[in-house]
C-alpha atoms as a PDB file:
ATOM      1  CA  MET A   1     -16.175  -9.546  18.040  1.00  0.00           C
ATOM      2  CA  LEU A   2     -13.066  -7.492  18.702  1.00  0.00           C
ATOM      3  CA  TYR A   3     -10.209  -9.141  20.511  1.00  0.00           C
ATOM      4  CA  PHE A   4      -6.988  -7.301  21.288  1.00  0.00           C
ATOM      5  CA  VAL A   5      -4.167  -9.578  22.401  1.00  0.00           C
ATOM      6  CA  TYR A   6      -2.197  -6.669  23.865  1.00  0.00           C
ATOM      7  CA  GLN A   7      -4.077  -3.590  25.052  1.00  0.00           C
ATOM      8  CA  GLU A   8      -0.848  -1.574  24.982  1.00  0.00           C
ATOM      9  CA  LEU A   9      -0.277  -2.438  21.317  1.00  0.00           C
ATOM     10  CA  ALA A  10      -3.860  -1.511  20.431  1.00  0.00           C
ATOM     11  CA  LEU A  11      -3.484   1.843  22.192  1.00  0.00           C
ATOM     12  CA  GLY A  12      -0.182   2.325  20.380  1.00  0.00           C
ATOM     13  CA  TYR A  13      -1.882   1.798  17.009  1.00  0.00           C
ATOM     14  CA  LEU A  14      -4.645   4.213  18.029  1.00  0.00           C
ATOM     15  CA  ALA A  15      -2.115   6.879  19.033  1.00  0.00           C
ATOM     16  CA  LEU A  16      -0.132   6.292  15.835  1.00  0.00           C
ATOM     17  CA  SER A  17      -3.181   6.744  13.648  1.00  0.00           C
ATOM     18  CA  PHE A  18      -4.361   9.796  15.638  1.00  0.00           C
ATOM     19  CA  LEU A  19      -1.042  11.632  15.435  1.00  0.00           C
ATOM     20  CA  THR A  20      -0.434  10.681  11.801  1.00  0.00           C
ATOM     21  CA  ALA A  21      -3.896  11.855  10.760  1.00  0.00           C
ATOM     22  CA  LEU A  22      -3.347  15.053  12.730  1.00  0.00           C
ATOM     23  CA  GLY A  23      -0.117  15.638  10.806  1.00  0.00           C
ATOM     24  CA  VAL A  24      -1.808  15.012   7.466  1.00  0.00           C
ATOM     25  CA  LEU A  25      -4.592  17.442   8.353  1.00  0.00           C
ATOM     26  CA  GLN A  26      -2.024  20.136   9.178  1.00  0.00           C
ATOM     27  CA  TRP A  27      -0.225  19.562   5.882  1.00  0.00           C
ATOM     28  CA  VAL A  28      -3.513  19.876   3.993  1.00  0.00           C
ATOM     29  CA  ALA A  29      -4.540  22.971   5.960  1.00  0.00           C
ATOM     30  CA  ALA A  30      -1.260  24.670   5.085  1.00  0.00           C
ATOM     31  CA  SER A  31      -1.355  23.571   1.440  1.00  0.00           C
ATOM     32  CA  TYR A  32      -4.880  24.772   0.699  1.00  0.00           C
ATOM     33  CA  HIS A  33      -5.146  27.652   3.207  1.00  0.00           C
ATOM     34  CA  LEU A  34      -7.937  25.928   5.105  1.00  0.00           C
ATOM     35  CA  ALA A  35      -8.163  27.865   8.357  1.00  0.00           C
ATOM     36  CA  GLY A  36     -10.842  25.505   9.664  1.00  0.00           C
ATOM     37  CA  LEU A  37      -8.305  22.651   9.771  1.00  0.00           C
ATOM     38  CA  GLY A  38      -5.245  24.516  10.996  1.00  0.00           C
ATOM     39  CA  LEU A  39      -4.096  24.163  14.575  1.00  0.00           C
ATOM     40  CA  LEU A  40      -2.017  27.298  13.972  1.00  0.00           C
ATOM     41  CA  ASP A  41      -2.529  30.348  11.774  1.00  0.00           C
ATOM     42  CA  TYR A  42      -1.032  29.411   8.399  1.00  0.00           C
ATOM     43  CA  SER A  43      -2.274  32.494   6.540  1.00  0.00           C
ATOM     44  CA  GLU A  44       1.157  34.122   6.401  1.00  0.00           C
ATOM     45  CA  HIS A  45       3.598  31.272   7.067  1.00  0.00           C
ATOM     46  CA  ARG A  46       2.535  28.059   5.384  1.00  0.00           C
ATOM     47  CA  THR A  47       5.909  26.514   6.117  1.00  0.00           C
ATOM     48  CA  SER A  48       5.007  26.087   9.775  1.00  0.00           C
ATOM     49  CA  GLY A  49       2.076  23.876   8.734  1.00  0.00           C
ATOM     50  CA  TYR A  50       4.333  21.707   6.606  1.00  0.00           C
ATOM     51  CA  VAL A  51       6.895  21.414   9.396  1.00  0.00           C
ATOM     52  CA  LEU A  52       4.241  20.610  11.999  1.00  0.00           C
ATOM     53  CA  GLY A  53       2.727  17.977   9.694  1.00  0.00           C
ATOM     54  CA  ILE A  54       6.071  16.296   9.030  1.00  0.00           C
ATOM     55  CA  VAL A  55       7.026  16.367  12.717  1.00  0.00           C
ATOM     56  CA  LEU A  56       3.710  14.798  13.729  1.00  0.00           C
ATOM     57  CA  ILE A  57       3.855  12.086  11.058  1.00  0.00           C
ATOM     58  CA  ALA A  58       7.538  11.191  11.466  1.00  0.00           C
ATOM     59  CA  GLY A  59       7.472  11.617  15.241  1.00  0.00           C
ATOM     60  CA  SER A  60       4.469   9.369  15.708  1.00  0.00           C
ATOM     61  CA  ALA A  61       5.979   6.655  13.504  1.00  0.00           C
ATOM     62  CA  LEU A  62       9.310   6.871  15.304  1.00  0.00           C
ATOM     63  CA  TRP A  63       7.626   6.822  18.721  1.00  0.00           C
ATOM     64  CA  PHE A  64       5.474   3.833  17.755  1.00  0.00           C
ATOM     65  CA  PHE A  65       8.305   1.716  16.409  1.00  0.00           C
ATOM     66  CA  VAL A  66      10.606   2.540  19.316  1.00  0.00           C
ATOM     67  CA  THR A  67       8.049   1.822  22.034  1.00  0.00           C
ATOM     68  CA  GLN A  68       6.311  -1.151  20.409  1.00  0.00           C
ATOM     69  CA  TRP A  69       9.301  -2.835  18.753  1.00  0.00           C
ATOM     70  CA  THR A  70       9.063  -6.029  20.806  1.00  0.00           C
ATOM     71  CA  ARG A  71       5.349  -6.519  20.087  1.00  0.00           C
ATOM     72  CA  ILE A  72       5.149  -5.524  16.422  1.00  0.00           C
ATOM     73  CA  PHE A  73       5.964  -8.998  15.145  1.00  0.00           C
ATOM     74  CA  THR A  74       3.895 -10.906  17.702  1.00  0.00           C
ATOM     75  CA  PRO A  75       0.280 -11.738  16.919  1.00  0.00           C
ATOM     76  CA  GLY A  76      -1.593  -8.491  17.146  1.00  0.00           C
ATOM     77  CA  PRO A  77      -4.840  -6.987  15.970  1.00  0.00           C
ATOM     78  CA  ALA A  78      -6.476  -8.581  12.942  1.00  0.00           C
ATOM     79  CA  GLY A  79      -7.687  -6.643   9.925  1.00  0.00           C
ATOM     80  CA  SER A  80     -11.020  -5.619  11.414  1.00  0.00           C
ATOM     81  CA  GLU A  81      -9.399  -4.437  14.640  1.00  0.00           C
ATOM     82  CA  LEU A  82      -6.741  -2.443  12.767  1.00  0.00           C
ATOM     83  CA  THR A  83      -9.407  -0.885  10.571  1.00  0.00           C
ATOM     84  CA  LEU A  84     -11.379   0.116  13.635  1.00  0.00           C
ATOM     85  CA  LEU A  85      -8.302   1.551  15.370  1.00  0.00           C
ATOM     86  CA  PHE A  86      -7.168   3.535  12.318  1.00  0.00           C
ATOM     87  CA  ALA A  87     -10.672   4.848  11.610  1.00  0.00           C
ATOM     88  CA  ALA A  88     -11.152   5.844  15.246  1.00  0.00           C
ATOM     89  CA  GLY A  89      -7.767   7.555  15.329  1.00  0.00           C
ATOM     90  CA  ALA A  90      -8.530   9.510  12.149  1.00  0.00           C
ATOM     91  CA  ALA A  91     -11.991  10.469  13.418  1.00  0.00           C
ATOM     92  CA  PHE A  92     -10.567  11.628  16.768  1.00  0.00           C
ATOM     93  CA  ALA A  93      -7.908  13.638  14.917  1.00  0.00           C
ATOM     94  CA  LEU A  94     -10.539  15.366  12.786  1.00  0.00           C
ATOM     95  CA  ILE A  95     -12.719  16.137  15.818  1.00  0.00           C
ATOM     96  CA  ALA A  96      -9.748  17.461  17.813  1.00  0.00           C
ATOM     97  CA  THR A  97      -8.547  19.533  14.856  1.00  0.00           C
ATOM     98  CA  LEU A  98     -11.949  21.116  14.304  1.00  0.00           C
ATOM     99  CA  ALA A  99     -12.335  21.848  18.015  1.00  0.00           C
ATOM    100  CA  VAL A 100      -8.911  23.462  18.377  1.00  0.00           C
ATOM    101  CA  ALA A 101      -9.010  25.261  15.020  1.00  0.00           C
ATOM    102  CA  GLY A 102     -12.273  26.912  16.004  1.00  0.00           C
ATOM    103  CA  THR A 103     -10.583  28.564  18.971  1.00  0.00           C
ATOM    104  CA  THR A 104      -7.325  29.564  17.250  1.00  0.00           C
ATOM    105  CA  PRO A 105      -7.070  33.320  16.677  1.00  0.00           C
ATOM    106  CA  ARG A 106      -6.596  34.238  13.008  1.00  0.00           C
ATOM    107  CA  THR A 107      -5.004  37.218  11.345  1.00  0.00           C
ATOM    108  CA  LYS A 108      -6.557  38.824   8.339  1.00  0.00           C
ATOM    109  CA  GLY A 109      -4.532  37.396   5.500  1.00  0.00           C
ATOM    110  CA  ARG A 110      -5.519  35.467   2.431  1.00  0.00           C
ATOM    111  CA  PRO A 111      -9.141  34.510   2.033  1.00  0.00           C
ATOM    112  CA  ILE A 112     -10.180  31.101   3.273  1.00  0.00           C
ATOM    113  CA  GLN A 113     -10.829  28.546   0.568  1.00  0.00           C
ATOM    114  CA  CYS A 114     -13.545  25.963   0.885  1.00  0.00           C
ATOM    115  CA  VAL A 115     -12.976  22.704  -0.895  1.00  0.00           C
END
């Protein structure tokens, strides 16, 4: 059974994993020209995907450690709870990315690669 000592800390871990996974997906979309994963159009300017990815990853880590500093070292979620939170955050990030990327207008640039 799942037991979260602090709901705020659990939500913080969920937000951290969501935003970090979102940043990784943007980095990958820019690296491999995957329009189906890009929140923006990276066909002509891949650098914006790298910058967005780094900002999301670093920003989410900074936000998490600044807001949760007092509770990080207290008893928190166990391994199964952390696994669930990180998996849910990554799954939500993928779903949100696919939903937004499907509505983002694209320019005709390089062909889309499927991996």
